[in-house]
Amino acid sequence: MECSTRQEGKFMIVTLAGEVDLHYSPEARKQILAQLNDKNHVLVDLSGVEYIDSSGIASLVEGFQLARSKQLEFGLVGVSEAARQVLELARLDKVFQIKATIAEFIDH
């Protein structure tokens, strides 16, 4: 898994790529929660995710819950087909704000 962060507008973008599984999800969780704890609005870019398991999804849910408790924006952007299938299966596509591009979040 690759994980990187960058700022775009008022959002910190956490980009995940590759396989977000039990081995790599702790790093994804750490990056997401660190940005939220620094009081940043966070978008997680999943466009490069080839596989995500329940531990990866749990990291996203934890980020969503922390953002809500801190009254910060949290969303998913560019969700890959592999990630979308897992989110739909868990019905989380109805919970998360999901947009195709970062610009859709910034312009709203």
N, C-alpha and C. Protein backbone atom coordinates (compact mmCIF):
# COMPACT_ATOMS: atom_id res chain seq x y z
N MET A 1 0.83 -1.18 0.00
CA MET A 1 0.00 0.00 0.00
C MET A 1 0.88 1.24 0.00
N GLU A 2 0.43 2.22 -0.73
CA GLU A 2 1.07 3.54 -0.70
C GLU A 2 0.11 4.50 -0.01
N CYS A 3 0.67 5.40 0.78
CA CYS A 3 -0.14 6.38 1.50
C CYS A 3 0.59 7.71 1.47
N SER A 4 -0.11 8.75 1.04
CA SER A 4 0.50 10.07 1.02
C SER A 4 -0.55 11.11 1.41
N THR A 5 -0.08 12.28 1.82
CA THR A 5 -1.00 13.37 2.17
C THR A 5 -0.56 14.65 1.49
N ARG A 6 -1.54 15.48 1.18
CA ARG A 6 -1.27 16.80 0.62
C ARG A 6 -2.47 17.68 0.93
N GLN A 7 -2.24 18.98 0.91
CA GLN A 7 -3.32 19.93 1.16
C GLN A 7 -3.88 20.42 -0.17
N GLU A 8 -5.20 20.54 -0.22
CA GLU A 8 -5.85 21.11 -1.39
C GLU A 8 -7.06 21.89 -0.88
N GLY A 9 -6.99 23.21 -1.01
CA GLY A 9 -8.05 24.04 -0.43
C GLY A 9 -8.05 23.86 1.07
N LYS A 10 -9.24 23.70 1.64
CA LYS A 10 -9.34 23.52 3.09
C LYS A 10 -9.18 22.06 3.52
N PHE A 11 -8.96 21.17 2.56
CA PHE A 11 -8.89 19.74 2.85
C PHE A 11 -7.46 19.21 2.85
N MET A 12 -7.21 18.25 3.74
CA MET A 12 -6.02 17.41 3.64
C MET A 12 -6.48 16.17 2.89
N ILE A 13 -5.76 15.85 1.83
CA ILE A 13 -6.10 14.69 1.02
C ILE A 13 -5.19 13.55 1.46
N VAL A 14 -5.79 12.45 1.90
CA VAL A 14 -5.04 11.25 2.24
C VAL A 14 -5.26 10.28 1.07
N THR A 15 -4.21 10.03 0.31
CA THR A 15 -4.31 9.16 -0.86
C THR A 15 -3.82 7.77 -0.50
N LEU A 16 -4.70 6.80 -0.71
CA LEU A 16 -4.34 5.40 -0.49
C LEU A 16 -4.30 4.70 -1.83
N ALA A 17 -3.33 3.81 -2.02
CA ALA A 17 -3.23 3.07 -3.27
C ALA A 17 -2.72 1.66 -2.98
N GLY A 18 -3.10 0.72 -3.84
CA GLY A 18 -2.69 -0.66 -3.67
C GLY A 18 -3.69 -1.43 -2.83
N GLU A 19 -3.18 -2.28 -1.95
CA GLU A 19 -4.03 -3.12 -1.12
C GLU A 19 -4.10 -2.56 0.30
N VAL A 20 -5.30 -2.24 0.73
CA VAL A 20 -5.53 -1.75 2.09
C VAL A 20 -6.10 -2.93 2.87
N ASP A 21 -5.21 -3.70 3.46
CA ASP A 21 -5.62 -4.92 4.15
C ASP A 21 -5.14 -4.90 5.60
N LEU A 22 -5.29 -6.02 6.28
CA LEU A 22 -4.94 -6.10 7.69
C LEU A 22 -3.50 -5.68 7.95
N HIS A 23 -2.63 -5.93 7.01
CA HIS A 23 -1.21 -5.59 7.16
C HIS A 23 -0.98 -4.07 7.04
N TYR A 24 -1.70 -3.42 6.12
CA TYR A 24 -1.44 -2.02 5.82
C TYR A 24 -2.47 -1.04 6.40
N SER A 25 -3.63 -1.53 6.79
CA SER A 25 -4.65 -0.60 7.28
C SER A 25 -4.24 0.19 8.53
N PRO A 26 -3.37 -0.33 9.43
CA PRO A 26 -2.95 0.51 10.57
C PRO A 26 -2.27 1.81 10.12
N GLU A 27 -1.49 1.75 9.02
CA GLU A 27 -0.84 2.96 8.50
C GLU A 27 -1.88 3.92 7.95
N ALA A 28 -2.86 3.40 7.23
CA ALA A 28 -3.94 4.25 6.70
C ALA A 28 -4.69 4.91 7.86
N ARG A 29 -5.01 4.12 8.88
CA ARG A 29 -5.72 4.62 10.06
C ARG A 29 -4.91 5.73 10.72
N LYS A 30 -3.62 5.49 10.89
CA LYS A 30 -2.75 6.47 11.55
C LYS A 30 -2.75 7.80 10.79
N GLN A 31 -2.62 7.75 9.47
CA GLN A 31 -2.59 8.97 8.66
C GLN A 31 -3.93 9.72 8.73
N ILE A 32 -5.03 8.99 8.60
CA ILE A 32 -6.36 9.61 8.62
C ILE A 32 -6.61 10.28 9.98
N LEU A 33 -6.38 9.53 11.06
CA LEU A 33 -6.66 10.06 12.40
C LEU A 33 -5.72 11.21 12.75
N ALA A 34 -4.47 11.15 12.31
CA ALA A 34 -3.52 12.23 12.60
C ALA A 34 -4.00 13.54 11.97
N GLN A 35 -4.49 13.48 10.75
CA GLN A 35 -4.98 14.69 10.09
C GLN A 35 -6.20 15.25 10.81
N LEU A 36 -7.10 14.37 11.22
CA LEU A 36 -8.30 14.82 11.94
C LEU A 36 -7.95 15.38 13.31
N ASN A 37 -7.00 14.76 13.98
CA ASN A 37 -6.59 15.25 15.30
C ASN A 37 -5.89 16.60 15.20
N ASP A 38 -5.34 16.90 14.02
CA ASP A 38 -4.76 18.23 13.77
C ASP A 38 -5.82 19.22 13.31
N LYS A 39 -7.08 18.83 13.42
CA LYS A 39 -8.24 19.66 13.09
C LYS A 39 -8.34 20.00 11.60
N ASN A 40 -7.94 19.06 10.77
CA ASN A 40 -8.05 19.23 9.33
C ASN A 40 -9.32 18.55 8.81
N HIS A 41 -9.95 19.16 7.81
CA HIS A 41 -11.00 18.48 7.06
C HIS A 41 -10.27 17.47 6.18
N VAL A 42 -10.84 16.26 6.04
CA VAL A 42 -10.11 15.19 5.36
C VAL A 42 -10.93 14.58 4.23
N LEU A 43 -10.26 14.38 3.10
CA LEU A 43 -10.79 13.57 2.00
C LEU A 43 -9.84 12.40 1.82
N VAL A 44 -10.39 11.22 1.67
CA VAL A 44 -9.57 10.04 1.42
C VAL A 44 -9.75 9.66 -0.04
N ASP A 45 -8.66 9.72 -0.79
CA ASP A 45 -8.66 9.39 -2.21
C ASP A 45 -8.42 7.89 -2.36
N LEU A 46 -9.44 7.19 -2.86
CA LEU A 46 -9.36 5.75 -3.00
C LEU A 46 -9.24 5.31 -4.46
N SER A 47 -8.88 6.24 -5.34
CA SER A 47 -8.85 5.93 -6.77
C SER A 47 -7.81 4.86 -7.13
N GLY A 48 -6.76 4.74 -6.33
CA GLY A 48 -5.72 3.75 -6.62
C GLY A 48 -5.82 2.47 -5.82
N VAL A 49 -6.92 2.30 -5.09
CA VAL A 49 -7.07 1.12 -4.25
C VAL A 49 -7.51 -0.08 -5.10
N GLU A 50 -6.70 -1.13 -5.05
CA GLU A 50 -7.00 -2.35 -5.82
C GLU A 50 -7.77 -3.35 -4.98
N TYR A 51 -7.63 -3.25 -3.65
CA TYR A 51 -8.28 -4.19 -2.73
C TYR A 51 -8.38 -3.50 -1.38
N ILE A 52 -9.53 -3.67 -0.73
CA ILE A 52 -9.69 -3.17 0.63
C ILE A 52 -10.51 -4.20 1.40
N ASP A 53 -10.05 -4.53 2.61
CA ASP A 53 -10.79 -5.50 3.42
C ASP A 53 -11.47 -4.79 4.59
N SER A 54 -12.05 -5.57 5.47
CA SER A 54 -12.83 -4.99 6.57
C SER A 54 -11.98 -4.12 7.49
N SER A 55 -10.70 -4.43 7.63
CA SER A 55 -9.85 -3.59 8.48
C SER A 55 -9.63 -2.22 7.84
N GLY A 56 -9.51 -2.18 6.53
CA GLY A 56 -9.41 -0.90 5.82
C GLY A 56 -10.69 -0.10 5.93
N ILE A 57 -11.82 -0.78 5.78
CA ILE A 57 -13.12 -0.12 5.92
C ILE A 57 -13.28 0.41 7.34
N ALA A 58 -12.83 -0.37 8.33
CA ALA A 58 -12.92 0.07 9.73
C ALA A 58 -12.12 1.34 9.95
N SER A 59 -10.98 1.48 9.29
CA SER A 59 -10.18 2.71 9.41
C SER A 59 -10.94 3.91 8.86
N LEU A 60 -11.66 3.70 7.76
CA LEU A 60 -12.47 4.78 7.18
C LEU A 60 -13.63 5.15 8.11
N VAL A 61 -14.29 4.14 8.68
CA VAL A 61 -15.41 4.39 9.59
C VAL A 61 -14.92 5.13 10.83
N GLU A 62 -13.78 4.73 11.36
CA GLU A 62 -13.23 5.41 12.54
C GLU A 62 -12.92 6.87 12.22
N GLY A 63 -12.36 7.12 11.03
CA GLY A 63 -12.11 8.49 10.61
C GLY A 63 -13.39 9.29 10.48
N PHE A 64 -14.41 8.68 9.90
CA PHE A 64 -15.72 9.33 9.76
C PHE A 64 -16.28 9.71 11.13
N GLN A 65 -16.21 8.78 12.08
CA GLN A 65 -16.75 9.04 13.42
C GLN A 65 -15.96 10.13 14.15
N LEU A 66 -14.64 10.10 14.02
CA LEU A 66 -13.82 11.13 14.67
C LEU A 66 -14.10 12.50 14.05
N ALA A 67 -14.21 12.54 12.73
CA ALA A 67 -14.50 13.81 12.06
C ALA A 67 -15.84 14.36 12.54
N ARG A 68 -16.82 13.51 12.64
CA ARG A 68 -18.15 13.95 13.10
C ARG A 68 -18.07 14.50 14.52
N SER A 69 -17.32 13.82 15.39
CA SER A 69 -17.22 14.26 16.79
C SER A 69 -16.48 15.60 16.90
N LYS A 70 -15.59 15.88 15.95
CA LYS A 70 -14.84 17.14 15.95
C LYS A 70 -15.45 18.18 15.03
N GLN A 71 -16.62 17.86 14.46
CA GLN A 71 -17.33 18.75 13.53
C GLN A 71 -16.45 19.15 12.34
N LEU A 72 -15.77 18.15 11.79
CA LEU A 72 -14.93 18.33 10.61
C LEU A 72 -15.55 17.59 9.43
N GLU A 73 -15.24 18.05 8.23
CA GLU A 73 -15.74 17.36 7.04
C GLU A 73 -14.85 16.16 6.75
N PHE A 74 -15.50 15.09 6.28
CA PHE A 74 -14.80 13.85 5.94
C PHE A 74 -15.52 13.23 4.75
N GLY A 75 -14.75 12.87 3.73
CA GLY A 75 -15.38 12.26 2.58
C GLY A 75 -14.42 11.37 1.82
N LEU A 76 -15.00 10.63 0.89
CA LEU A 76 -14.22 9.73 0.04
C LEU A 76 -14.29 10.26 -1.38
N VAL A 77 -13.18 10.17 -2.07
CA VAL A 77 -13.11 10.71 -3.43
C VAL A 77 -12.49 9.69 -4.37
N GLY A 78 -13.00 9.66 -5.60
CA GLY A 78 -12.42 8.79 -6.63
C GLY A 78 -12.43 7.33 -6.26
N VAL A 79 -13.50 6.87 -5.65
CA VAL A 79 -13.55 5.50 -5.13
C VAL A 79 -13.41 4.48 -6.27
N SER A 80 -12.40 3.63 -6.17
CA SER A 80 -12.18 2.60 -7.20
C SER A 80 -13.33 1.60 -7.19
N GLU A 81 -13.44 0.85 -8.26
CA GLU A 81 -14.51 -0.16 -8.35
C GLU A 81 -14.38 -1.19 -7.23
N ALA A 82 -13.15 -1.62 -6.94
CA ALA A 82 -12.93 -2.61 -5.88
C ALA A 82 -13.40 -2.07 -4.53
N ALA A 83 -13.07 -0.83 -4.23
CA ALA A 83 -13.48 -0.22 -2.96
C ALA A 83 -14.98 0.02 -2.94
N ARG A 84 -15.53 0.45 -4.06
CA ARG A 84 -16.98 0.71 -4.14
C ARG A 84 -17.78 -0.55 -3.84
N GLN A 85 -17.35 -1.67 -4.37
CA GLN A 85 -18.08 -2.93 -4.14
C GLN A 85 -18.14 -3.26 -2.65
N VAL A 86 -17.02 -3.08 -1.95
CA VAL A 86 -16.99 -3.38 -0.51
C VAL A 86 -17.87 -2.38 0.25
N LEU A 87 -17.78 -1.10 -0.10
CA LEU A 87 -18.61 -0.08 0.57
C LEU A 87 -20.09 -0.35 0.34
N GLU A 88 -20.46 -0.74 -0.87
CA GLU A 88 -21.87 -1.03 -1.16
C GLU A 88 -22.34 -2.27 -0.41
N LEU A 89 -21.50 -3.28 -0.35
CA LEU A 89 -21.84 -4.51 0.36
C LEU A 89 -22.13 -4.22 1.83
N ALA A 90 -21.35 -3.33 2.42
CA ALA A 90 -21.53 -2.95 3.83
C ALA A 90 -22.55 -1.82 3.98
N ARG A 91 -23.12 -1.38 2.87
CA ARG A 91 -24.09 -0.27 2.83
C ARG A 91 -23.50 1.05 3.33
N LEU A 92 -22.18 1.15 3.29
CA LEU A 92 -21.52 2.38 3.73
C LEU A 92 -21.50 3.44 2.65
N ASP A 93 -21.87 3.06 1.43
CA ASP A 93 -21.97 4.06 0.36
C ASP A 93 -23.09 5.05 0.67
N LYS A 94 -23.98 4.69 1.61
CA LYS A 94 -25.06 5.58 2.03
C LYS A 94 -24.64 6.44 3.23
N VAL A 95 -23.53 6.08 3.87
CA VAL A 95 -23.06 6.78 5.07
C VAL A 95 -22.05 7.86 4.72
N PHE A 96 -21.06 7.47 3.93
CA PHE A 96 -19.99 8.40 3.56
C PHE A 96 -20.44 9.36 2.47
N GLN A 97 -19.90 10.58 2.52
CA GLN A 97 -20.01 11.48 1.36
C GLN A 97 -19.01 10.96 0.35
N ILE A 98 -19.48 10.63 -0.84
CA ILE A 98 -18.60 10.10 -1.89
C ILE A 98 -18.77 10.95 -3.14
N LYS A 99 -17.65 11.44 -3.66
CA LYS A 99 -17.67 12.24 -4.89
C LYS A 99 -16.59 11.71 -5.83
N ALA A 100 -16.78 12.00 -7.11
CA ALA A 100 -15.84 11.52 -8.12
C ALA A 100 -14.51 12.26 -8.07
N THR A 101 -14.57 13.56 -7.76
CA THR A 101 -13.35 14.38 -7.79
C THR A 101 -13.24 15.25 -6.55
N ILE A 102 -12.02 15.66 -6.27
CA ILE A 102 -11.75 16.57 -5.16
C ILE A 102 -12.46 17.90 -5.40
N ALA A 103 -12.47 18.34 -6.63
CA ALA A 103 -13.11 19.63 -6.98
C ALA A 103 -14.58 19.65 -6.56
N GLU A 104 -15.27 18.52 -6.64
CA GLU A 104 -16.68 18.47 -6.24
C GLU A 104 -16.85 18.80 -4.76
N PHE A 105 -15.89 18.40 -3.93
CA PHE A 105 -15.95 18.74 -2.51
C PHE A 105 -15.59 20.21 -2.28
N ILE A 106 -14.55 20.65 -2.97
CA ILE A 106 -14.06 22.02 -2.77
C ILE A 106 -15.07 23.05 -3.24
N ASP A 107 -15.75 22.76 -4.34
CA ASP A 107 -16.69 23.71 -4.93
C ASP A 107 -18.06 23.74 -4.28
N HIS A 108 -18.33 22.81 -3.36
CA HIS A 108 -19.70 22.75 -2.81
C HIS A 108 -19.97 23.79 -1.76
